[in-house]
Amino acid sequence: MNDDPDDRHDHTGATGTSGAGALGGAAVEQFQRAALDAVRAARALLDAAESVIQEPAAIEAMVKTVVSVAKSASDVVAGFAPSPPDAADDDGDDGPDDGPDDGFEHISVG
């Protein structure tokens, strides 16, 4: 089998270009090309992983970047979290709050 992705030759042994044999041969040929592309991509990924593993400074930089991104994401999410209720505001009654109107109707259940 030829590794050239532009190779359009029928490697299935089918004779002729009409009928189901030609369609089946074309499908097999497309599958072969896709499989070869997947193997090439896997090789490239393994080569990249090998170079990262062999260079400890690259691993350290990658870990620092991941930690930095995780901390930034945590800070952003924490900014959206509601602040805990202040114990000084708790006067014991569950009546309507005299605070600013936030556009929501607060309903006490129970």
N, C-alpha and C. Protein backbone atom coordinates (compact mmCIF):
# COMPACT_ATOMS: atom_id res chain seq x y z
N MET A 1 0.85 -1.19 0.00
CA MET A 1 0.00 0.00 0.00
C MET A 1 0.88 1.23 0.00
N ASN A 2 0.48 2.21 -0.77
CA ASN A 2 1.23 3.45 -0.93
C ASN A 2 0.79 4.44 0.14
N ASP A 3 1.72 5.14 0.79
CA ASP A 3 1.41 6.11 1.84
C ASP A 3 1.02 7.47 1.28
N ASP A 4 1.02 7.64 -0.02
CA ASP A 4 0.70 8.92 -0.62
C ASP A 4 -0.80 9.17 -0.53
N PRO A 5 -1.23 10.25 0.19
CA PRO A 5 -2.67 10.49 0.34
C PRO A 5 -3.36 10.84 -0.96
N ASP A 6 -2.60 11.24 -1.99
CA ASP A 6 -3.21 11.57 -3.26
C ASP A 6 -3.27 10.38 -4.21
N ASP A 7 -2.83 9.21 -3.72
CA ASP A 7 -2.84 8.01 -4.53
C ASP A 7 -4.28 7.56 -4.73
N ARG A 8 -4.74 7.53 -5.95
CA ARG A 8 -6.13 7.19 -6.24
C ARG A 8 -6.25 5.79 -6.85
N HIS A 9 -5.21 4.98 -6.80
CA HIS A 9 -5.25 3.66 -7.40
C HIS A 9 -6.06 2.70 -6.54
N ASP A 10 -6.72 1.76 -7.19
CA ASP A 10 -7.54 0.78 -6.49
C ASP A 10 -6.63 -0.34 -5.99
N HIS A 11 -6.51 -0.49 -4.68
CA HIS A 11 -5.66 -1.52 -4.08
C HIS A 11 -6.46 -2.73 -3.66
N THR A 12 -7.71 -2.83 -4.07
CA THR A 12 -8.58 -3.90 -3.61
C THR A 12 -8.60 -5.09 -4.56
N GLY A 13 -8.06 -4.92 -5.75
CA GLY A 13 -8.05 -6.01 -6.71
C GLY A 13 -9.32 -6.04 -7.55
N ALA A 14 -10.19 -5.07 -7.38
CA ALA A 14 -11.43 -5.03 -8.16
C ALA A 14 -11.10 -4.70 -9.60
N THR A 15 -11.81 -5.37 -10.50
CA THR A 15 -11.61 -5.08 -11.92
C THR A 15 -12.82 -4.32 -12.42
N GLY A 16 -12.62 -3.23 -13.07
CA GLY A 16 -13.72 -2.44 -13.59
C GLY A 16 -14.10 -1.34 -12.62
N THR A 17 -14.90 -0.42 -13.14
CA THR A 17 -15.28 0.73 -12.32
C THR A 17 -16.77 0.84 -12.11
N SER A 18 -17.53 -0.19 -12.47
CA SER A 18 -18.97 -0.09 -12.29
C SER A 18 -19.45 -1.12 -11.28
N GLY A 19 -20.63 -0.87 -10.72
CA GLY A 19 -21.24 -1.83 -9.82
C GLY A 19 -20.80 -1.66 -8.38
N ALA A 20 -21.25 -2.60 -7.54
CA ALA A 20 -20.98 -2.55 -6.10
C ALA A 20 -19.51 -2.75 -5.79
N GLY A 21 -18.79 -3.47 -6.63
CA GLY A 21 -17.37 -3.70 -6.39
C GLY A 21 -16.57 -2.41 -6.37
N ALA A 22 -16.90 -1.49 -7.27
CA ALA A 22 -16.20 -0.21 -7.32
C ALA A 22 -16.52 0.62 -6.10
N LEU A 23 -17.79 0.61 -5.67
CA LEU A 23 -18.17 1.36 -4.48
C LEU A 23 -17.51 0.79 -3.24
N GLY A 24 -17.47 -0.54 -3.13
CA GLY A 24 -16.82 -1.17 -2.00
C GLY A 24 -15.33 -0.90 -1.98
N GLY A 25 -14.72 -0.92 -3.16
CA GLY A 25 -13.29 -0.64 -3.25
C GLY A 25 -12.97 0.79 -2.86
N ALA A 26 -13.84 1.72 -3.27
CA ALA A 26 -13.63 3.12 -2.91
C ALA A 26 -13.77 3.32 -1.41
N ALA A 27 -14.73 2.60 -0.81
CA ALA A 27 -14.92 2.71 0.65
C ALA A 27 -13.71 2.16 1.39
N VAL A 28 -13.19 1.04 0.92
CA VAL A 28 -12.00 0.46 1.56
C VAL A 28 -10.81 1.40 1.42
N GLU A 29 -10.68 1.99 0.25
CA GLU A 29 -9.58 2.91 0.01
C GLU A 29 -9.67 4.14 0.92
N GLN A 30 -10.88 4.68 1.09
CA GLN A 30 -11.07 5.82 1.98
C GLN A 30 -10.76 5.43 3.42
N PHE A 31 -11.19 4.25 3.83
CA PHE A 31 -10.89 3.77 5.18
C PHE A 31 -9.39 3.63 5.38
N GLN A 32 -8.68 3.11 4.39
CA GLN A 32 -7.23 2.96 4.49
C GLN A 32 -6.56 4.32 4.67
N ARG A 33 -7.01 5.31 3.89
CA ARG A 33 -6.43 6.65 4.01
C ARG A 33 -6.70 7.24 5.40
N ALA A 34 -7.92 7.07 5.87
CA ALA A 34 -8.27 7.60 7.20
C ALA A 34 -7.45 6.91 8.29
N ALA A 35 -7.28 5.61 8.17
CA ALA A 35 -6.50 4.87 9.16
C ALA A 35 -5.04 5.33 9.15
N LEU A 36 -4.48 5.54 7.97
CA LEU A 36 -3.10 6.04 7.88
C LEU A 36 -2.98 7.43 8.48
N ASP A 37 -3.96 8.30 8.24
CA ASP A 37 -3.94 9.63 8.84
C ASP A 37 -3.99 9.54 10.36
N ALA A 38 -4.80 8.63 10.89
CA ALA A 38 -4.89 8.45 12.35
C ALA A 38 -3.57 7.96 12.92
N VAL A 39 -2.90 7.05 12.21
CA VAL A 39 -1.60 6.55 12.67
C VAL A 39 -0.57 7.68 12.67
N ARG A 40 -0.57 8.50 11.61
CA ARG A 40 0.37 9.62 11.55
C ARG A 40 0.11 10.62 12.69
N ALA A 41 -1.16 10.88 12.98
CA ALA A 41 -1.49 11.79 14.07
C ALA A 41 -1.05 11.22 15.41
N ALA A 42 -1.24 9.92 15.60
CA ALA A 42 -0.81 9.28 16.85
C ALA A 42 0.71 9.35 17.00
N ARG A 43 1.41 9.14 15.91
CA ARG A 43 2.88 9.24 15.95
C ARG A 43 3.32 10.65 16.34
N ALA A 44 2.67 11.66 15.76
CA ALA A 44 3.02 13.05 16.08
C ALA A 44 2.74 13.34 17.54
N LEU A 45 1.63 12.83 18.07
CA LEU A 45 1.31 13.02 19.47
C LEU A 45 2.33 12.34 20.37
N LEU A 46 2.72 11.14 20.02
CA LEU A 46 3.74 10.43 20.82
C LEU A 46 5.09 11.14 20.75
N ASP A 47 5.44 11.65 19.58
CA ASP A 47 6.70 12.40 19.46
C ASP A 47 6.68 13.64 20.36
N ALA A 48 5.55 14.34 20.37
CA ALA A 48 5.43 15.53 21.22
C ALA A 48 5.50 15.14 22.69
N ALA A 49 4.83 14.06 23.07
CA ALA A 49 4.86 13.61 24.46
C ALA A 49 6.27 13.20 24.86
N GLU A 50 6.98 12.55 23.98
CA GLU A 50 8.35 12.13 24.27
C GLU A 50 9.26 13.34 24.49
N SER A 51 9.12 14.36 23.67
CA SER A 51 9.97 15.54 23.83
C SER A 51 9.65 16.27 25.13
N VAL A 52 8.38 16.30 25.54
CA VAL A 52 8.01 16.95 26.80
C VAL A 52 8.56 16.16 27.98
N ILE A 53 8.47 14.85 27.91
CA ILE A 53 8.96 14.00 29.01
C ILE A 53 10.47 14.12 29.16
N GLN A 54 11.18 14.24 28.06
CA GLN A 54 12.63 14.32 28.11
C GLN A 54 13.13 15.67 28.59
N GLU A 55 12.28 16.68 28.63
CA GLU A 55 12.69 18.02 29.05
C GLU A 55 11.94 18.41 30.32
N PRO A 56 12.56 18.24 31.51
CA PRO A 56 11.89 18.54 32.78
C PRO A 56 11.42 19.99 32.89
N ALA A 57 12.15 20.92 32.31
CA ALA A 57 11.75 22.33 32.39
C ALA A 57 10.43 22.54 31.67
N ALA A 58 10.20 21.81 30.59
CA ALA A 58 8.95 21.94 29.86
C ALA A 58 7.79 21.43 30.71
N ILE A 59 8.00 20.33 31.43
CA ILE A 59 6.96 19.80 32.30
C ILE A 59 6.65 20.80 33.41
N GLU A 60 7.69 21.38 34.00
CA GLU A 60 7.49 22.37 35.08
C GLU A 60 6.70 23.58 34.57
N ALA A 61 7.06 24.07 33.41
CA ALA A 61 6.35 25.22 32.83
C ALA A 61 4.90 24.86 32.54
N MET A 62 4.66 23.65 32.05
CA MET A 62 3.31 23.23 31.74
C MET A 62 2.47 23.13 33.02
N VAL A 63 3.04 22.56 34.08
CA VAL A 63 2.33 22.43 35.35
C VAL A 63 2.03 23.82 35.93
N LYS A 64 2.99 24.73 35.87
CA LYS A 64 2.76 26.09 36.37
C LYS A 64 1.64 26.77 35.60
N THR A 65 1.60 26.56 34.30
CA THR A 65 0.55 27.16 33.48
C THR A 65 -0.81 26.60 33.85
N VAL A 66 -0.89 25.28 34.02
CA VAL A 66 -2.16 24.65 34.39
C VAL A 66 -2.62 25.15 35.75
N VAL A 67 -1.71 25.26 36.71
CA VAL A 67 -2.05 25.75 38.05
C VAL A 67 -2.53 27.20 37.97
N SER A 68 -1.87 28.01 37.19
CA SER A 68 -2.26 29.41 37.04
C SER A 68 -3.65 29.54 36.43
N VAL A 69 -3.92 28.75 35.40
CA VAL A 69 -5.23 28.79 34.76
C VAL A 69 -6.31 28.31 35.73
N ALA A 70 -6.02 27.25 36.49
CA ALA A 70 -6.98 26.74 37.46
C ALA A 70 -7.27 27.77 38.54
N LYS A 71 -6.23 28.48 39.02
CA LYS A 71 -6.43 29.50 40.05
C LYS A 71 -7.26 30.66 39.50
N SER A 72 -6.96 31.07 38.28
CA SER A 72 -7.73 32.16 37.67
C SER A 72 -9.20 31.76 37.51
N ALA A 73 -9.43 30.54 37.07
CA ALA A 73 -10.81 30.07 36.90
C ALA A 73 -11.51 30.01 38.25
N SER A 74 -10.81 29.57 39.28
CA SER A 74 -11.38 29.51 40.63
C SER A 74 -11.73 30.90 41.12
N ASP A 75 -10.86 31.88 40.88
CA ASP A 75 -11.13 33.26 41.29
C ASP A 75 -12.35 33.83 40.57
N VAL A 76 -12.48 33.52 39.28
CA VAL A 76 -13.62 34.01 38.51
C VAL A 76 -14.91 33.40 39.04
N VAL A 77 -14.90 32.09 39.28
CA VAL A 77 -16.09 31.41 39.79
C VAL A 77 -16.44 31.95 41.18
N ALA A 78 -15.44 32.19 42.02
CA ALA A 78 -15.69 32.70 43.36
C ALA A 78 -16.33 34.09 43.30
N GLY A 79 -16.04 34.86 42.28
CA GLY A 79 -16.63 36.18 42.12
C GLY A 79 -18.13 36.12 41.85
N PHE A 80 -18.61 35.00 41.33
CA PHE A 80 -20.03 34.84 41.05
C PHE A 80 -20.79 34.21 42.20
N ALA A 81 -20.08 33.65 43.16
CA ALA A 81 -20.74 32.98 44.29
C ALA A 81 -21.35 34.04 45.21
N PRO A 82 -22.54 33.75 45.74
CA PRO A 82 -23.15 34.72 46.67
C PRO A 82 -22.34 34.79 47.95
N SER A 83 -22.29 35.98 48.53
CA SER A 83 -21.55 36.13 49.77
C SER A 83 -22.36 35.50 50.89
N PRO A 84 -21.70 34.93 51.89
CA PRO A 84 -22.42 34.30 52.99
C PRO A 84 -23.20 35.34 53.78
N PRO A 85 -24.34 34.95 54.37
CA PRO A 85 -25.12 35.93 55.14
C PRO A 85 -24.33 36.42 56.34
N ASP A 86 -24.44 37.70 56.60
CA ASP A 86 -23.72 38.31 57.72
C ASP A 86 -24.49 38.06 59.01
N ALA A 87 -23.84 37.56 60.03
CA ALA A 87 -24.48 37.24 61.30
C ALA A 87 -25.06 38.50 61.95
N ALA A 88 -24.50 39.67 61.71
CA ALA A 88 -24.98 40.91 62.31
C ALA A 88 -26.33 41.31 61.72
N ASP A 89 -26.64 40.88 60.48
CA ASP A 89 -27.91 41.22 59.85
C ASP A 89 -29.04 40.32 60.32
N ASP A 90 -28.73 39.23 60.97
CA ASP A 90 -29.76 38.27 61.37
C ASP A 90 -30.43 38.77 62.65
N ASP A 91 -31.64 39.33 62.48
CA ASP A 91 -32.35 39.85 63.65
C ASP A 91 -33.39 38.86 64.16
N GLY A 92 -33.40 37.67 63.59
CA GLY A 92 -34.27 36.63 64.09
C GLY A 92 -35.61 36.55 63.40
N ASP A 93 -36.05 37.60 62.72
CA ASP A 93 -37.34 37.48 62.05
C ASP A 93 -37.11 37.17 60.59
N ASP A 94 -38.07 36.49 60.02
CA ASP A 94 -37.97 36.12 58.62
C ASP A 94 -38.86 37.00 57.76
N GLY A 95 -39.14 38.20 58.23
CA GLY A 95 -40.01 39.14 57.53
C GLY A 95 -39.31 39.74 56.34
N PRO A 96 -40.00 40.62 55.66
CA PRO A 96 -39.41 41.25 54.48
C PRO A 96 -38.17 42.05 54.83
N ASP A 97 -37.22 41.99 53.96
CA ASP A 97 -35.95 42.69 54.15
C ASP A 97 -36.13 44.14 53.73
N ASP A 98 -35.57 45.05 54.50
CA ASP A 98 -35.65 46.46 54.17
C ASP A 98 -34.52 46.89 53.24
N GLY A 99 -33.81 45.92 52.68
CA GLY A 99 -32.67 46.22 51.80
C GLY A 99 -33.13 46.75 50.47
N PRO A 100 -32.19 46.99 49.57
CA PRO A 100 -32.52 47.56 48.27
C PRO A 100 -33.37 46.59 47.45
N ASP A 101 -34.24 47.14 46.62
CA ASP A 101 -35.09 46.32 45.76
C ASP A 101 -34.23 45.75 44.64
N ASP A 102 -34.12 44.42 44.61
CA ASP A 102 -33.28 43.78 43.60
C ASP A 102 -34.09 43.25 42.42
N GLY A 103 -35.41 43.58 42.39
CA GLY A 103 -36.22 43.17 41.27
C GLY A 103 -36.85 41.81 41.45
N PHE A 104 -36.60 41.12 42.55
CA PHE A 104 -37.15 39.80 42.80
C PHE A 104 -38.14 39.88 43.96
N GLU A 105 -39.19 39.09 43.87
CA GLU A 105 -40.13 38.99 44.99
C GLU A 105 -39.67 37.82 45.85
N HIS A 106 -39.35 38.10 47.10
CA HIS A 106 -38.89 37.07 48.02
C HIS A 106 -40.08 36.52 48.78
N ILE A 107 -40.28 35.23 48.69
CA ILE A 107 -41.42 34.58 49.32
C ILE A 107 -40.90 33.65 50.41
N SER A 108 -41.42 33.82 51.65
CA SER A 108 -41.04 32.94 52.76
C SER A 108 -41.93 31.70 52.71
N VAL A 109 -41.31 30.53 52.80
CA VAL A 109 -42.05 29.28 52.79
C VAL A 109 -41.95 28.65 54.18
N GLY A 110 -43.10 28.29 54.74
CA GLY A 110 -43.04 27.56 56.00
C GLY A 110 -43.70 28.21 57.15
